[in-house]
Amino acid sequence: LFRIIRDVKTQRADFVFYSNRIIRLLVEEGLNHLPVQATAVSTPTDLTYNGLKFQGKICGVSIMRAGESMEQGLRDCCRSVRIGKILIQRDEETAEAKLFYAKLPEDIKDRYVLLLDPMLATGGSAIMAVDVLIANGVPADRILFLNLISSPEGIEAFAKKFPNLKVVTGFIDEGLNEQKFVIPGLGDFGDRYYCI
């Protein structure tokens, strides 16, 4: 799947289809990291089955615009899940992140948050997004960051700032180039998913 979405010749429809497959797998893996509690249910055969259910409520928060591509994968796994939005853009000259907008569920401090962004390059946007969540009362240990491709530099910066926060990534690439883009990467995820 990663070979297909990395290929410059892959058409948009295929890029979206295969990205969505990876996103769904990442969301399902992410959900496996949330706390559960034992719960017994009665089956149609009048027997008891001892299973598990999520402990607490969840929500998704996407880092706009590319992170929005991951929302449907979360909705496919969690019906009626609440979704928050954070708009952070990277200055292309300095590679520094700047916050423009945040709209979060009112009760976000009481939820487990799946932070959604397909690419982790320098880590600046993800770190700023987590800072926004923490400033809104979300404990760091209730945040799980999901992404498709990460750079070692981004993981290192993110882990240095938030050593106890879990990250679920699909692939760790070689690193960053001079322009701070992930290499070999796949280009601009948002452009390829929404435009090209």
Protein backbone atom coordinates (compact mmCIF):
# COMPACT_ATOMS: atom_id res chain seq x y z
CA LEU A 1 0.00 0.00 0.00
CA PHE A 2 2.80 2.44 0.84
CA ARG A 3 4.46 1.71 -2.51
CA ILE A 4 1.27 2.78 -4.27
CA ILE A 5 0.75 6.04 -2.38
CA ARG A 6 4.42 7.00 -2.69
CA ASP A 7 4.47 6.50 -6.47
CA VAL A 8 4.41 9.87 -8.27
CA LYS A 9 2.45 8.18 -11.10
CA THR A 10 -0.42 7.10 -8.83
CA GLN A 11 -3.61 8.87 -9.85
CA ARG A 12 -5.64 10.76 -7.23
CA ALA A 13 -8.45 8.17 -7.05
CA ASP A 14 -5.98 5.39 -6.27
CA PHE A 15 -4.05 7.60 -3.86
CA VAL A 16 -7.26 8.31 -1.92
CA PHE A 17 -8.39 4.66 -1.97
CA TYR A 18 -5.11 3.20 -0.70
CA SER A 19 -4.51 6.03 1.77
CA ASN A 20 -7.96 5.35 3.21
CA ARG A 21 -7.08 1.67 3.65
CA ILE A 22 -3.92 2.58 5.57
CA ILE A 23 -5.79 5.18 7.63
CA ARG A 24 -8.43 2.63 8.64
CA LEU A 25 -5.70 0.22 9.81
CA LEU A 26 -4.00 3.01 11.79
CA VAL A 27 -7.27 4.00 13.47
CA GLU A 28 -8.00 0.40 14.43
CA GLU A 29 -4.48 0.00 15.84
CA GLY A 30 -4.84 3.28 17.69
CA LEU A 31 -8.10 2.13 19.28
CA ASN A 32 -6.25 -0.94 20.57
CA HIS A 33 -4.11 1.38 22.72
CA LEU A 34 -7.05 2.89 24.59
CA PRO A 35 -7.95 1.58 28.05
CA VAL A 36 -10.73 -0.99 28.29
CA GLN A 37 -12.77 -2.52 31.07
CA ALA A 38 -14.22 -6.00 31.44
CA THR A 39 -17.90 -6.18 30.54
CA ALA A 40 -20.23 -9.18 30.60
CA VAL A 41 -23.10 -9.46 28.12
CA SER A 42 -25.87 -12.01 27.62
CA THR A 43 -25.80 -13.81 24.28
CA PRO A 44 -28.83 -15.00 22.26
CA THR A 45 -28.05 -18.53 23.50
CA ASP A 46 -28.72 -17.45 27.13
CA LEU A 47 -25.06 -17.60 28.03
CA THR A 48 -22.76 -14.90 29.36
CA TYR A 49 -19.84 -13.64 27.35
CA ASN A 50 -17.06 -11.76 29.13
CA GLY A 51 -15.78 -9.09 26.78
CA LEU A 52 -14.21 -5.65 26.82
CA LYS A 53 -15.44 -2.12 26.14
CA PHE A 54 -13.71 1.24 25.92
CA GLN A 55 -13.21 2.98 29.22
CA GLY A 56 -14.34 6.55 28.71
CA LYS A 57 -15.30 8.66 25.72
CA ILE A 58 -13.17 9.45 22.70
CA CYS A 59 -12.95 12.15 20.05
CA GLY A 60 -10.80 12.90 17.06
CA VAL A 61 -8.92 16.12 16.41
CA SER A 62 -7.58 16.69 12.93
CA ILE A 63 -4.75 19.05 12.06
CA MET A 64 -6.25 20.81 9.05
CA ARG A 65 -6.14 20.28 6.05
CA ALA A 66 -4.39 16.95 5.54
CA GLY A 67 -5.53 15.58 8.91
CA GLU A 68 -9.14 15.87 7.76
CA SER A 69 -8.43 13.01 5.34
CA MET A 70 -8.25 10.72 8.38
CA GLU A 71 -11.64 11.68 9.84
CA GLN A 72 -13.69 9.22 7.78
CA GLY A 73 -11.47 6.33 8.85
CA LEU A 74 -12.20 7.26 12.47
CA ARG A 75 -15.93 7.60 11.76
CA ASP A 76 -15.92 4.19 10.06
CA CYS A 77 -14.64 2.66 13.31
CA CYS A 78 -16.47 4.87 15.84
CA ARG A 79 -20.00 5.86 14.94
CA SER A 80 -21.02 9.45 15.83
CA VAL A 81 -17.53 10.31 17.11
CA ARG A 82 -16.97 13.99 17.79
CA ILE A 83 -14.30 15.71 15.71
CA GLY A 84 -12.34 18.84 16.60
CA LYS A 85 -10.17 20.92 14.27
CA ILE A 86 -6.86 22.68 14.64
CA LEU A 87 -5.35 24.77 11.85
CA ILE A 88 -1.58 25.04 12.05
CA GLN A 89 0.47 26.06 9.06
CA ARG A 90 4.19 25.74 8.60
CA ASP A 91 6.11 28.76 7.36
CA GLU A 92 7.87 27.38 4.27
CA GLU A 93 10.93 29.59 4.83
CA THR A 94 11.49 29.00 8.55
CA ALA A 95 9.67 25.62 8.88
CA GLU A 96 8.13 27.05 12.10
CA ALA A 97 4.53 26.18 12.97
CA LYS A 98 1.90 28.89 13.54
CA LEU A 99 -1.56 28.37 15.08
CA PHE A 100 -4.46 29.94 13.15
CA TYR A 101 -7.59 28.22 14.49
CA ALA A 102 -8.84 25.68 17.02
CA LYS A 103 -12.40 24.40 17.50
CA LEU A 104 -12.68 21.53 19.98
CA PRO A 105 -15.55 19.67 21.66
CA GLU A 106 -16.60 21.45 24.87
CA ASP A 107 -15.98 18.37 26.99
CA ILE A 108 -12.65 17.46 25.38
CA LYS A 109 -10.87 17.40 28.76
CA ASP A 110 -13.03 14.38 29.66
CA ARG A 111 -12.20 12.43 26.49
CA TYR A 112 -9.41 10.37 25.02
CA VAL A 113 -8.18 12.23 21.93
CA LEU A 114 -6.98 10.70 18.69
CA LEU A 115 -4.87 13.43 17.05
CA LEU A 116 -4.91 13.00 13.27
CA ASP A 117 -2.26 14.15 10.80
CA PRO A 118 -0.86 11.97 8.00
CA MET A 119 2.72 13.32 8.03
CA LEU A 120 5.14 13.97 10.90
CA ALA A 121 8.08 15.94 9.48
CA THR A 122 9.81 18.33 11.92
CA GLY A 123 7.20 17.69 14.61
CA GLY A 124 6.40 21.40 14.96
CA SER A 125 2.72 21.19 14.00
CA ALA A 126 2.08 18.06 16.07
CA ILE A 127 3.82 19.54 19.12
CA MET A 128 1.81 22.75 18.80
CA ALA A 129 -1.43 20.76 18.40
CA VAL A 130 -0.68 18.80 21.59
CA ASP A 131 0.09 22.06 23.38
CA VAL A 132 -3.37 23.33 22.31
CA LEU A 133 -5.02 20.14 23.59
CA ILE A 134 -3.19 20.32 26.92
CA ALA A 135 -4.10 24.02 27.25
CA ASN A 136 -7.73 22.93 26.85
CA GLY A 137 -7.44 20.50 29.75
CA VAL A 138 -6.62 17.22 27.98
CA PRO A 139 -4.04 15.22 29.97
CA ALA A 140 -1.08 14.20 27.77
CA ASP A 141 -1.62 10.53 28.62
CA ARG A 142 -5.10 10.75 27.04
CA ILE A 143 -3.73 11.83 23.64
CA LEU A 144 -2.79 9.36 20.91
CA PHE A 145 -1.17 10.71 17.74
CA LEU A 146 -1.94 8.81 14.51
CA ASN A 147 -0.03 9.38 11.25
CA LEU A 148 0.95 7.53 8.09
CA ILE A 149 4.60 8.54 7.67
CA SER A 150 7.08 9.98 10.18
CA SER A 151 10.63 11.24 10.03
CA PRO A 152 13.12 10.16 12.72
CA GLU A 153 13.72 13.86 13.47
CA GLY A 154 10.02 14.49 14.01
CA ILE A 155 9.65 11.47 16.26
CA GLU A 156 12.67 12.54 18.30
CA ALA A 157 11.41 16.13 18.74
CA PHE A 158 7.91 14.91 19.60
CA ALA A 159 9.15 12.29 22.09
CA LYS A 160 11.50 14.79 23.73
CA LYS A 161 8.61 17.18 24.42
CA PHE A 162 6.01 14.48 25.24
CA PRO A 163 7.83 11.31 26.38
CA ASN A 164 4.65 9.61 27.65
CA LEU A 165 2.42 10.34 24.67
CA LYS A 166 1.80 7.42 22.30
CA VAL A 167 2.35 7.68 18.56
CA VAL A 168 0.98 5.15 16.06
CA THR A 169 2.65 5.55 12.67
CA GLY A 170 2.53 3.48 9.53
CA PHE A 171 6.13 4.04 8.44
CA ILE A 172 9.31 5.75 9.63
CA ASP A 173 11.14 7.26 6.66
CA GLU A 174 14.84 8.08 6.19
CA GLY A 175 14.72 11.68 7.36
CA LEU A 176 14.22 15.26 6.22
CA ASN A 177 15.74 17.09 3.26
CA GLU A 178 17.04 20.68 3.29
CA GLN A 179 13.48 22.02 2.87
CA LYS A 180 12.36 19.95 5.89
CA PHE A 181 10.23 17.59 3.79
CA VAL A 182 10.10 13.89 4.68
CA ILE A 183 12.19 11.74 2.34
CA PRO A 184 11.58 9.59 0.44
CA GLY A 185 8.09 10.65 1.55
CA LEU A 186 5.16 10.96 -0.82
CA GLY A 187 4.93 14.68 -1.55
CA ASP A 188 2.27 16.99 -0.14
CA PHE A 189 -0.33 14.59 1.29
CA GLY A 190 -3.14 17.17 1.31
CA ASP A 191 -2.55 18.16 -2.31
CA ARG A 192 -2.45 14.56 -3.47
CA TYR A 193 -5.53 13.58 -1.46
CA TYR A 194 -7.73 16.58 -2.26
CA CYS A 195 -6.44 18.26 -5.41
CA ILE A 196 -4.13 16.47 -7.82
